[in-house]
Amino acid sequence: MDIGEMKQRIEFMVEENVSDGQGGYDTTLVSKGSTWAKVTNIHGGQYFFAAAVHLEKDVSFVIRYRSDILEKWIIKFRNQKYNIQFIDNVKYGDQYLEIKATLAG
């Protein structure tokens, strides 16, 4: 992986209950940070993996390794939200994560 390929900015978000000030709660998206990523549409052999887990409008995000990313999080990219389906610590090397995600909708 060439680090120079990571030129798209993505933001990690999570749904959290936040007090509405009147004793109740509202669900809102809260930022968990942003990073640079290589973003590609899933195609070729990757398509069959995506089909096996029923992904539609599938995208692969490759980022530098982080240990805090969870599958319940959401990725915001170009004002669209993507639900994380699978996180792969590439070759268990703790250098890169490949995240498969589906356009939320």
PDB file of N, CA and C in Angstrom:
ATOM      1  N   MET A   1       0.850  -1.178   0.000  1.00  0.00           N
ATOM      2  CA  MET A   1       0.000   0.000   0.000  1.00  0.00           C
ATOM      3  C   MET A   1       0.891   1.236   0.000  1.00  0.00           C
ATOM      4  N   ASP A   2       0.624   2.128  -0.919  1.00  0.00           N
ATOM      5  CA  ASP A   2       1.328   3.402  -0.989  1.00  0.00           C
ATOM      6  C   ASP A   2       0.527   4.429  -0.198  1.00  0.00           C
ATOM      7  N   ILE A   3       1.122   4.981   0.835  1.00  0.00           N
ATOM      8  CA  ILE A   3       0.431   5.934   1.705  1.00  0.00           C
ATOM      9  C   ILE A   3      -0.111   7.125   0.919  1.00  0.00           C
ATOM     10  N   GLY A   4       0.506   7.442  -0.221  1.00  0.00           N
ATOM     11  CA  GLY A   4       0.051   8.550  -1.055  1.00  0.00           C
ATOM     12  C   GLY A   4      -1.302   8.308  -1.693  1.00  0.00           C
ATOM     13  N   GLU A   5      -1.765   7.055  -1.703  1.00  0.00           N
ATOM     14  CA  GLU A   5      -3.086   6.744  -2.249  1.00  0.00           C
ATOM     15  C   GLU A   5      -4.208   7.131  -1.293  1.00  0.00           C
ATOM     16  N   MET A   6      -3.867   7.377  -0.046  1.00  0.00           N
ATOM     17  CA  MET A   6      -4.874   7.762   0.947  1.00  0.00           C
ATOM     18  C   MET A   6      -5.076   9.267   0.882  1.00  0.00           C
ATOM     19  N   LYS A   7      -5.938   9.691  -0.043  1.00  0.00           N
ATOM     20  CA  LYS A   7      -6.103  11.130  -0.256  1.00  0.00           C
ATOM     21  C   LYS A   7      -7.540  11.609  -0.119  1.00  0.00           C
ATOM     22  N   GLN A   8      -8.412  10.742   0.393  1.00  0.00           N
ATOM     23  CA  GLN A   8      -9.799  11.129   0.634  1.00  0.00           C
ATOM     24  C   GLN A   8     -10.021  11.241   2.140  1.00  0.00           C
ATOM     25  N   ARG A   9     -10.690  12.304   2.556  1.00  0.00           N
ATOM     26  CA  ARG A   9     -10.954  12.515   3.977  1.00  0.00           C
ATOM     27  C   ARG A   9     -12.279  11.845   4.342  1.00  0.00           C
ATOM     28  N   ILE A  10     -12.260  11.016   5.385  1.00  0.00           N
ATOM     29  CA  ILE A  10     -13.481  10.393   5.878  1.00  0.00           C
ATOM     30  C   ILE A  10     -13.631  10.713   7.362  1.00  0.00           C
ATOM     31  N   GLU A  11     -14.863  10.630   7.836  1.00  0.00           N
ATOM     32  CA  GLU A  11     -15.143  10.890   9.245  1.00  0.00           C
ATOM     33  C   GLU A  11     -15.889   9.696   9.827  1.00  0.00           C
ATOM     34  N   PHE A  12     -15.485   9.276  11.015  1.00  0.00           N
ATOM     35  CA  PHE A  12     -16.173   8.204  11.725  1.00  0.00           C
ATOM     36  C   PHE A  12     -17.199   8.826  12.658  1.00  0.00           C
ATOM     37  N   MET A  13     -18.407   8.236  12.659  1.00  0.00           N
ATOM     38  CA  MET A  13     -19.484   8.763  13.484  1.00  0.00           C
ATOM     39  C   MET A  13     -20.199   7.597  14.162  1.00  0.00           C
ATOM     40  N   VAL A  14     -20.889   7.899  15.257  1.00  0.00           N
ATOM     41  CA  VAL A  14     -21.673   6.894  15.963  1.00  0.00           C
ATOM     42  C   VAL A  14     -22.969   7.548  16.439  1.00  0.00           C
ATOM     43  N   GLU A  15     -24.052   6.768  16.421  1.00  0.00           N
ATOM     44  CA  GLU A  15     -25.320   7.269  16.944  1.00  0.00           C
ATOM     45  C   GLU A  15     -25.279   7.192  18.464  1.00  0.00           C
ATOM     46  N   GLU A  16     -25.611   8.308  19.110  1.00  0.00           N
ATOM     47  CA  GLU A  16     -25.645   8.351  20.571  1.00  0.00           C
ATOM     48  C   GLU A  16     -26.899   9.072  21.015  1.00  0.00           C
ATOM     49  N   ASN A  17     -27.384   8.700  22.205  1.00  0.00           N
ATOM     50  CA  ASN A  17     -28.503   9.411  22.803  1.00  0.00           C
ATOM     51  C   ASN A  17     -27.961  10.620  23.544  1.00  0.00           C
ATOM     52  N   VAL A  18     -28.512  11.790  23.216  1.00  0.00           N
ATOM     53  CA  VAL A  18     -28.071  13.046  23.816  1.00  0.00           C
ATOM     54  C   VAL A  18     -29.278  13.691  24.487  1.00  0.00           C
ATOM     55  N   SER A  19     -29.080  14.220  25.672  1.00  0.00           N
ATOM     56  CA  SER A  19     -30.170  14.857  26.402  1.00  0.00           C
ATOM     57  C   SER A  19     -30.781  15.981  25.581  1.00  0.00           C
ATOM     58  N   ASP A  20     -32.123  16.031  25.572  1.00  0.00           N
ATOM     59  CA  ASP A  20     -32.808  17.109  24.850  1.00  0.00           C
ATOM     60  C   ASP A  20     -33.084  18.311  25.747  1.00  0.00           C
ATOM     61  N   GLY A  21     -32.637  18.247  27.007  1.00  0.00           N
ATOM     62  CA  GLY A  21     -32.802  19.364  27.928  1.00  0.00           C
ATOM     63  C   GLY A  21     -34.153  19.387  28.612  1.00  0.00           C
ATOM     64  N   GLN A  22     -35.030  18.459  28.265  1.00  0.00           N
ATOM     65  CA  GLN A  22     -36.367  18.418  28.863  1.00  0.00           C
ATOM     66  C   GLN A  22     -36.643  17.062  29.507  1.00  0.00           C
ATOM     67  N   GLY A  23     -35.597  16.359  29.854  1.00  0.00           N
ATOM     68  CA  GLY A  23     -35.739  15.071  30.513  1.00  0.00           C
ATOM     69  C   GLY A  23     -35.755  13.885  29.569  1.00  0.00           C
ATOM     70  N   GLY A  24     -35.735  14.145  28.283  1.00  0.00           N
ATOM     71  CA  GLY A  24     -35.726  13.069  27.296  1.00  0.00           C
ATOM     72  C   GLY A  24     -34.401  13.017  26.561  1.00  0.00           C
ATOM     73  N   TYR A  25     -34.378  12.197  25.544  1.00  0.00           N
ATOM     74  CA  TYR A  25     -33.159  12.039  24.752  1.00  0.00           C
ATOM     75  C   TYR A  25     -33.478  12.059  23.265  1.00  0.00           C
ATOM     76  N   ASP A  26     -32.554  12.592  22.504  1.00  0.00           N
ATOM     77  CA  ASP A  26     -32.607  12.553  21.048  1.00  0.00           C
ATOM     78  C   ASP A  26     -31.418  11.733  20.570  1.00  0.00           C
ATOM     79  N   THR A  27     -31.615  10.991  19.489  1.00  0.00           N
ATOM     80  CA  THR A  27     -30.514  10.253  18.882  1.00  0.00           C
ATOM     81  C   THR A  27     -29.851  11.149  17.849  1.00  0.00           C
ATOM     82  N   THR A  28     -28.546  11.282  17.960  1.00  0.00           N
ATOM     83  CA  THR A  28     -27.805  12.131  17.033  1.00  0.00           C
ATOM     84  C   THR A  28     -26.489  11.455  16.660  1.00  0.00           C
ATOM     85  N   LEU A  29     -25.916  11.870  15.547  1.00  0.00           N
ATOM     86  CA  LEU A  29     -24.607  11.355  15.146  1.00  0.00           C
ATOM     87  C   LEU A  29     -23.513  12.198  15.792  1.00  0.00           C
ATOM     88  N   VAL A  30     -22.576  11.524  16.432  1.00  0.00           N
ATOM     89  CA  VAL A  30     -21.464  12.180  17.111  1.00  0.00           C
ATOM     90  C   VAL A  30     -20.168  11.753  16.429  1.00  0.00           C
ATOM     91  N   SER A  31     -19.316  12.723  16.133  1.00  0.00           N
ATOM     92  CA  SER A  31     -18.047  12.435  15.463  1.00  0.00           C
ATOM     93  C   SER A  31     -17.084  11.722  16.401  1.00  0.00           C
ATOM     94  N   LYS A  32     -16.419  10.688  15.872  1.00  0.00           N
ATOM     95  CA  LYS A  32     -15.387   9.966  16.610  1.00  0.00           C
ATOM     96  C   LYS A  32     -14.010  10.220  16.013  1.00  0.00           C
ATOM     97  N   GLY A  33     -13.936  11.165  15.082  1.00  0.00           N
ATOM     98  CA  GLY A  33     -12.654  11.508  14.483  1.00  0.00           C
ATOM     99  C   GLY A  33     -12.656  11.313  12.984  1.00  0.00           C
ATOM    100  N   SER A  34     -11.620  11.834  12.352  1.00  0.00           N
ATOM    101  CA  SER A  34     -11.502  11.712  10.898  1.00  0.00           C
ATOM    102  C   SER A  34     -10.092  11.246  10.551  1.00  0.00           C
ATOM    103  N   THR A  35      -9.945  10.773   9.319  1.00  0.00           N
ATOM    104  CA  THR A  35      -8.653  10.275   8.859  1.00  0.00           C
ATOM    105  C   THR A  35      -8.617  10.307   7.340  1.00  0.00           C
ATOM    106  N   TRP A  36      -7.457  10.056   6.783  1.00  0.00           N
ATOM    107  CA  TRP A  36      -7.291   9.950   5.337  1.00  0.00           C
ATOM    108  C   TRP A  36      -7.487   8.502   4.930  1.00  0.00           C
ATOM    109  N   ALA A  37      -8.084   8.297   3.754  1.00  0.00           N
ATOM    110  CA  ALA A  37      -8.378   6.942   3.293  1.00  0.00           C
ATOM    111  C   ALA A  37      -8.209   6.816   1.791  1.00  0.00           C
ATOM    112  N   LYS A  38      -7.926   5.596   1.370  1.00  0.00           N
ATOM    113  CA  LYS A  38      -8.032   5.226  -0.042  1.00  0.00           C
ATOM    114  C   LYS A  38      -9.444   4.671  -0.196  1.00  0.00           C
ATOM    115  N   VAL A  39     -10.220   5.254  -1.099  1.00  0.00           N
ATOM    116  CA  VAL A  39     -11.617   4.864  -1.260  1.00  0.00           C
ATOM    117  C   VAL A  39     -11.815   4.291  -2.656  1.00  0.00           C
ATOM    118  N   THR A  40     -12.366   3.075  -2.718  1.00  0.00           N
ATOM    119  CA  THR A  40     -12.642   2.446  -4.011  1.00  0.00           C
ATOM    120  C   THR A  40     -13.986   1.736  -3.956  1.00  0.00           C
ATOM    121  N   ASN A  41     -14.649   1.686  -5.116  1.00  0.00           N
ATOM    122  CA  ASN A  41     -15.849   0.870  -5.242  1.00  0.00           C
ATOM    123  C   ASN A  41     -15.418  -0.581  -5.304  1.00  0.00           C
ATOM    124  N   ILE A  42     -16.214  -1.456  -4.729  1.00  0.00           N
ATOM    125  CA  ILE A  42     -15.892  -2.875  -4.759  1.00  0.00           C
ATOM    126  C   ILE A  42     -16.226  -3.424  -6.139  1.00  0.00           C
ATOM    127  N   HIS A  43     -15.282  -4.174  -6.711  1.00  0.00           N
ATOM    128  CA  HIS A  43     -15.466  -4.731  -8.048  1.00  0.00           C
ATOM    129  C   HIS A  43     -14.667  -6.026  -8.176  1.00  0.00           C
ATOM    130  N   GLY A  44     -14.838  -6.716  -9.274  1.00  0.00           N
ATOM    131  CA  GLY A  44     -14.074  -7.944  -9.533  1.00  0.00           C
ATOM    132  C   GLY A  44     -14.295  -8.988  -8.467  1.00  0.00           C
ATOM    133  N   GLY A  45     -13.209  -9.596  -7.999  1.00  0.00           N
ATOM    134  CA  GLY A  45     -13.291 -10.645  -6.991  1.00  0.00           C
ATOM    135  C   GLY A  45     -13.904 -10.160  -5.695  1.00  0.00           C
ATOM    136  N   GLN A  46     -13.696  -8.893  -5.384  1.00  0.00           N
ATOM    137  CA  GLN A  46     -14.281  -8.341  -4.167  1.00  0.00           C
ATOM    138  C   GLN A  46     -15.799  -8.336  -4.254  1.00  0.00           C
ATOM    139  N   TYR A  47     -16.335  -8.243  -5.485  1.00  0.00           N
ATOM    140  CA  TYR A  47     -17.786  -8.205  -5.652  1.00  0.00           C
ATOM    141  C   TYR A  47     -18.421  -9.471  -5.093  1.00  0.00           C
ATOM    142  N   PHE A  48     -17.778 -10.623  -5.294  1.00  0.00           N
ATOM    143  CA  PHE A  48     -18.353 -11.880  -4.821  1.00  0.00           C
ATOM    144  C   PHE A  48     -18.363 -11.932  -3.300  1.00  0.00           C
ATOM    145  N   PHE A  49     -17.338 -11.361  -2.660  1.00  0.00           N
ATOM    146  CA  PHE A  49     -17.353 -11.248  -1.201  1.00  0.00           C
ATOM    147  C   PHE A  49     -18.528 -10.387  -0.778  1.00  0.00           C
ATOM    148  N   ALA A  50     -18.709  -9.264  -1.454  1.00  0.00           N
ATOM    149  CA  ALA A  50     -19.793  -8.343  -1.120  1.00  0.00           C
ATOM    150  C   ALA A  50     -21.145  -9.025  -1.296  1.00  0.00           C
ATOM    151  N   ALA A  51     -21.303  -9.781  -2.363  1.00  0.00           N
ATOM    152  CA  ALA A  51     -22.564 -10.472  -2.614  1.00  0.00           C
ATOM    153  C   ALA A  51     -22.837 -11.504  -1.521  1.00  0.00           C
ATOM    154  N   ALA A  52     -21.788 -12.138  -1.022  1.00  0.00           N
ATOM    155  CA  ALA A  52     -21.954 -13.163   0.010  1.00  0.00           C
ATOM    156  C   ALA A  52     -22.501 -12.574   1.302  1.00  0.00           C
ATOM    157  N   VAL A  53     -22.177 -11.324   1.594  1.00  0.00           N
ATOM    158  CA  VAL A  53     -22.696 -10.681   2.798  1.00  0.00           C
ATOM    159  C   VAL A  53     -23.775  -9.660   2.462  1.00  0.00           C
ATOM    160  N   HIS A  54     -24.297  -9.727   1.241  1.00  0.00           N
ATOM    161  CA  HIS A  54     -25.436  -8.928   0.789  1.00  0.00           C
ATOM    162  C   HIS A  54     -25.191  -7.423   0.842  1.00  0.00           C
ATOM    163  N   LEU A  55     -24.032  -6.985   0.417  1.00  0.00           N
ATOM    164  CA  LEU A  55     -23.734  -5.560   0.367  1.00  0.00           C
ATOM    165  C   LEU A  55     -24.267  -4.962  -0.931  1.00  0.00           C
ATOM    166  N   GLU A  56     -24.761  -3.739  -0.873  1.00  0.00           N
ATOM    167  CA  GLU A  56     -25.193  -3.010  -2.060  1.00  0.00           C
ATOM    168  C   GLU A  56     -24.523  -1.646  -2.019  1.00  0.00           C
ATOM    169  N   LYS A  57     -24.178  -1.122  -3.192  1.00  0.00           N
ATOM    170  CA  LYS A  57     -23.451   0.148  -3.260  1.00  0.00           C
ATOM    171  C   LYS A  57     -22.262   0.078  -2.307  1.00  0.00           C
ATOM    172  N   ASP A  58     -21.410  -0.862  -2.600  1.00  0.00           N
ATOM    173  CA  ASP A  58     -20.320  -1.228  -1.711  1.00  0.00           C
ATOM    174  C   ASP A  58     -19.081  -0.383  -1.950  1.00  0.00           C
ATOM    175  N   VAL A  59     -18.428  -0.027  -0.869  1.00  0.00           N
ATOM    176  CA  VAL A  59     -17.212   0.774  -0.940  1.00  0.00           C
ATOM    177  C   VAL A  59     -16.178   0.165   0.001  1.00  0.00           C
ATOM    178  N   SER A  60     -14.928   0.235  -0.413  1.00  0.00           N
ATOM    179  CA  SER A  60     -13.818  -0.197   0.423  1.00  0.00           C
ATOM    180  C   SER A  60     -13.027   1.040   0.839  1.00  0.00           C
ATOM    181  N   PHE A  61     -12.824   1.181   2.140  1.00  0.00           N
ATOM    182  CA  PHE A  61     -12.017   2.268   2.690  1.00  0.00           C
ATOM    183  C   PHE A  61     -10.762   1.646   3.293  1.00  0.00           C
ATOM    184  N   VAL A  62      -9.578   2.072   2.858  1.00  0.00           N
ATOM    185  CA  VAL A  62      -8.330   1.602   3.455  1.00  0.00           C
ATOM    186  C   VAL A  62      -7.726   2.774   4.217  1.00  0.00           C
ATOM    187  N   ILE A  63      -7.452   2.539   5.501  1.00  0.00           N
ATOM    188  CA  ILE A  63      -6.900   3.582   6.366  1.00  0.00           C
ATOM    189  C   ILE A  63      -5.705   3.025   7.126  1.00  0.00           C
ATOM    190  N   ARG A  64      -4.932   3.922   7.734  1.00  0.00           N
ATOM    191  CA  ARG A  64      -3.873   3.487   8.644  1.00  0.00           C
ATOM    192  C   ARG A  64      -4.534   2.780   9.821  1.00  0.00           C
ATOM    193  N   TYR A  65      -3.833   1.844  10.418  1.00  0.00           N
ATOM    194  CA  TYR A  65      -4.378   1.036  11.510  1.00  0.00           C
ATOM    195  C   TYR A  65      -4.817   1.904  12.685  1.00  0.00           C
ATOM    196  N   ARG A  66      -6.007   1.589  13.182  1.00  0.00           N
ATOM    197  CA  ARG A  66      -6.528   2.157  14.431  1.00  0.00           C
ATOM    198  C   ARG A  66      -7.208   1.022  15.173  1.00  0.00           C
ATOM    199  N   SER A  67      -7.037   0.971  16.477  1.00  0.00           N
ATOM    200  CA  SER A  67      -7.627  -0.124  17.249  1.00  0.00           C
ATOM    201  C   SER A  67      -9.027   0.203  17.768  1.00  0.00           C
ATOM    202  N   ASP A  68      -9.488   1.435  17.561  1.00  0.00           N
ATOM    203  CA  ASP A  68     -10.752   1.851  18.168  1.00  0.00           C
ATOM    204  C   ASP A  68     -11.965   1.784  17.241  1.00  0.00           C
ATOM    205  N   ILE A  69     -11.809   1.406  15.988  1.00  0.00           N
ATOM    206  CA  ILE A  69     -12.915   1.397  15.034  1.00  0.00           C
ATOM    207  C   ILE A  69     -13.854   0.225  15.340  1.00  0.00           C
ATOM    208  N   LEU A  70     -15.166   0.495  15.338  1.00  0.00           N
ATOM    209  CA  LEU A  70     -16.167  -0.536  15.605  1.00  0.00           C
ATOM    210  C   LEU A  70     -17.124  -0.668  14.425  1.00  0.00           C
ATOM    211  N   GLU A  71     -17.655  -1.871  14.222  1.00  0.00           N
ATOM    212  CA  GLU A  71     -18.573  -2.098  13.108  1.00  0.00           C
ATOM    213  C   GLU A  71     -19.894  -1.358  13.276  1.00  0.00           C
ATOM    214  N   LYS A  72     -20.235  -0.931  14.488  1.00  0.00           N
ATOM    215  CA  LYS A  72     -21.482  -0.185  14.686  1.00  0.00           C
ATOM    216  C   LYS A  72     -21.335   1.291  14.285  1.00  0.00           C
ATOM    217  N   TRP A  73     -20.117   1.717  13.983  1.00  0.00           N
ATOM    218  CA  TRP A  73     -19.891   3.094  13.576  1.00  0.00           C
ATOM    219  C   TRP A  73     -20.350   3.325  12.144  1.00  0.00           C
ATOM    220  N   ILE A  74     -20.424   4.593  11.783  1.00  0.00           N
ATOM    221  CA  ILE A  74     -20.819   5.034  10.446  1.00  0.00           C
ATOM    222  C   ILE A  74     -19.663   5.834   9.863  1.00  0.00           C
ATOM    223  N   ILE A  75     -19.431   5.691   8.574  1.00  0.00           N
ATOM    224  CA  ILE A  75     -18.419   6.499   7.888  1.00  0.00           C
ATOM    225  C   ILE A  75     -19.135   7.559   7.071  1.00  0.00           C
ATOM    226  N   LYS A  76     -18.708   8.798   7.228  1.00  0.00           N
ATOM    227  CA  LYS A  76     -19.237   9.891   6.409  1.00  0.00           C
ATOM    228  C   LYS A  76     -18.173  10.237   5.369  1.00  0.00           C
ATOM    229  N   PHE A  77     -18.569  10.164   4.096  1.00  0.00           N
ATOM    230  CA  PHE A  77     -17.660  10.441   2.993  1.00  0.00           C
ATOM    231  C   PHE A  77     -18.432  11.189   1.923  1.00  0.00           C
ATOM    232  N   ARG A  78     -17.954  12.374   1.570  1.00  0.00           N
ATOM    233  CA  ARG A  78     -18.601  13.222   0.563  1.00  0.00           C
ATOM    234  C   ARG A  78     -20.090  13.413   0.853  1.00  0.00           C
ATOM    235  N   ASN A  79     -20.393  13.745   2.095  1.00  0.00           N
ATOM    236  CA  ASN A  79     -21.754  14.017   2.556  1.00  0.00           C
ATOM    237  C   ASN A  79     -22.702  12.837   2.425  1.00  0.00           C
ATOM    238  N   GLN A  80     -22.163  11.632   2.317  1.00  0.00           N
ATOM    239  CA  GLN A  80     -22.987  10.431   2.336  1.00  0.00           C
ATOM    240  C   GLN A  80     -22.529   9.559   3.491  1.00  0.00           C
ATOM    241  N   LYS A  81     -23.468   8.793   4.028  1.00  0.00           N
ATOM    242  CA  LYS A  81     -23.164   7.936   5.167  1.00  0.00           C
ATOM    243  C   LYS A  81     -23.103   6.480   4.721  1.00  0.00           C
ATOM    244  N   TYR A  82     -22.118   5.761   5.256  1.00  0.00           N
ATOM    245  CA  TYR A  82     -21.896   4.352   4.931  1.00  0.00           C
ATOM    246  C   TYR A  82     -21.885   3.537   6.216  1.00  0.00           C
ATOM    247  N   ASN A  83     -22.627   2.439   6.212  1.00  0.00           N
ATOM    248  CA  ASN A  83     -22.646   1.522   7.348  1.00  0.00           C
ATOM    249  C   ASN A  83     -21.495   0.529   7.210  1.00  0.00           C
ATOM    250  N   ILE A  84     -20.690   0.422   8.252  1.00  0.00           N
ATOM    251  CA  ILE A  84     -19.561  -0.510   8.242  1.00  0.00           C
ATOM    252  C   ILE A  84     -20.095  -1.937   8.351  1.00  0.00           C
ATOM    253  N   GLN A  85     -19.642  -2.802   7.443  1.00  0.00           N
ATOM    254  CA  GLN A  85     -20.050  -4.203   7.433  1.00  0.00           C
ATOM    255  C   GLN A  85     -18.944  -5.134   7.920  1.00  0.00           C
ATOM    256  N   PHE A  86     -17.698  -4.771   7.622  1.00  0.00           N
ATOM    257  CA  PHE A  86     -16.586  -5.669   7.928  1.00  0.00           C
ATOM    258  C   PHE A  86     -15.303  -4.859   8.041  1.00  0.00           C
ATOM    259  N   ILE A  87     -14.496  -5.165   9.051  1.00  0.00           N
ATOM    260  CA  ILE A  87     -13.209  -4.498   9.251  1.00  0.00           C
ATOM    261  C   ILE A  87     -12.113  -5.555   9.195  1.00  0.00           C
ATOM    262  N   ASP A  88     -11.154  -5.372   8.296  1.00  0.00           N
ATOM    263  CA  ASP A  88     -10.062  -6.333   8.111  1.00  0.00           C
ATOM    264  C   ASP A  88      -8.737  -5.678   8.484  1.00  0.00           C
ATOM    265  N   ASN A  89      -8.083  -6.206   9.523  1.00  0.00           N
ATOM    266  CA  ASN A  89      -6.725  -5.795   9.868  1.00  0.00           C
ATOM    267  C   ASN A  89      -5.822  -6.519   8.870  1.00  0.00           C
ATOM    268  N   VAL A  90      -5.439  -5.846   7.805  1.00  0.00           N
ATOM    269  CA  VAL A  90      -4.774  -6.464   6.655  1.00  0.00           C
ATOM    270  C   VAL A  90      -3.560  -7.282   7.097  1.00  0.00           C
ATOM    271  N   LYS A  91      -3.619  -8.572   6.818  1.00  0.00           N
ATOM    272  CA  LYS A  91      -2.556  -9.540   7.142  1.00  0.00           C
ATOM    273  C   LYS A  91      -2.168  -9.503   8.620  1.00  0.00           C
ATOM    274  N   TYR A  92      -3.071  -9.050   9.472  1.00  0.00           N
ATOM    275  CA  TYR A  92      -2.829  -8.934  10.912  1.00  0.00           C
ATOM    276  C   TYR A  92      -1.555  -8.153  11.210  1.00  0.00           C
ATOM    277  N   GLY A  93      -1.249  -7.203  10.334  1.00  0.00           N
ATOM    278  CA  GLY A  93       0.003  -6.466  10.458  1.00  0.00           C
ATOM    279  C   GLY A  93      -0.076  -5.202  11.287  1.00  0.00           C
ATOM    280  N   ASP A  94      -1.273  -4.832  11.745  1.00  0.00           N
ATOM    281  CA  ASP A  94      -1.464  -3.602  12.520  1.00  0.00           C
ATOM    282  C   ASP A  94      -0.894  -2.381  11.808  1.00  0.00           C
ATOM    283  N   GLN A  95      -0.962  -2.387  10.459  1.00  0.00           N
ATOM    284  CA  GLN A  95      -0.520  -1.232   9.682  1.00  0.00           C
ATOM    285  C   GLN A  95      -1.685  -0.568   8.963  1.00  0.00           C
ATOM    286  N   TYR A  96      -2.593  -1.385   8.407  1.00  0.00           N
ATOM    287  CA  TYR A  96      -3.731  -0.861   7.647  1.00  0.00           C
ATOM    288  C   TYR A  96      -5.000  -1.607   8.017  1.00  0.00           C
ATOM    289  N   LEU A  97      -6.124  -0.901   7.907  1.00  0.00           N
ATOM    290  CA  LEU A  97      -7.438  -1.517   8.013  1.00  0.00           C
ATOM    291  C   LEU A  97      -8.132  -1.356   6.677  1.00  0.00           C
ATOM    292  N   GLU A  98      -8.760  -2.427   6.193  1.00  0.00           N
ATOM    293  CA  GLU A  98      -9.632  -2.325   5.032  1.00  0.00           C
ATOM    294  C   GLU A  98     -11.052  -2.486   5.546  1.00  0.00           C
ATOM    295  N   ILE A  99     -11.859  -1.460   5.328  1.00  0.00           N
ATOM    296  CA  ILE A  99     -13.220  -1.436   5.848  1.00  0.00           C
ATOM    297  C   ILE A  99     -14.186  -1.547   4.681  1.00  0.00           C
ATOM    298  N   LYS A 100     -15.025  -2.590   4.707  1.00  0.00           N
ATOM    299  CA  LYS A 100     -16.077  -2.746   3.703  1.00  0.00           C
ATOM    300  C   LYS A 100     -17.323  -2.078   4.272  1.00  0.00           C
ATOM    301  N   ALA A 101     -17.966  -1.256   3.448  1.00  0.00           N
ATOM    302  CA  ALA A 101     -19.135  -0.524   3.921  1.00  0.00           C
ATOM    303  C   ALA A 101     -20.176  -0.403   2.817  1.00  0.00           C
ATOM    304  N   THR A 102     -21.420  -0.159   3.239  1.00  0.00           N
ATOM    305  CA  THR A 102     -22.552  -0.037   2.335  1.00  0.00           C
ATOM    306  C   THR A 102     -23.177   1.336   2.503  1.00  0.00           C
ATOM    307  N   LEU A 103     -23.572   1.924   1.404  1.00  0.00           N
ATOM    308  CA  LEU A 103     -24.256   3.217   1.451  1.00  0.00           C
ATOM    309  C   LEU A 103     -25.506   3.084   2.305  1.00  0.00           C
ATOM    310  N   ALA A 104     -25.630   3.939   3.322  1.00  0.00           N
ATOM    311  CA  ALA A 104     -26.804   3.907   4.200  1.00  0.00           C
ATOM    312  C   ALA A 104     -28.009   4.434   3.436  1.00  0.00           C
ATOM    313  N   GLY A 105     -29.133   3.842   3.709  1.00  0.00           N
ATOM    314  CA  GLY A 105     -30.236   4.349   2.940  1.00  0.00           C
ATOM    315  C   GLY A 105     -31.552   3.977   3.409  1.00  0.00           C
TER     316      GLY A 105
END
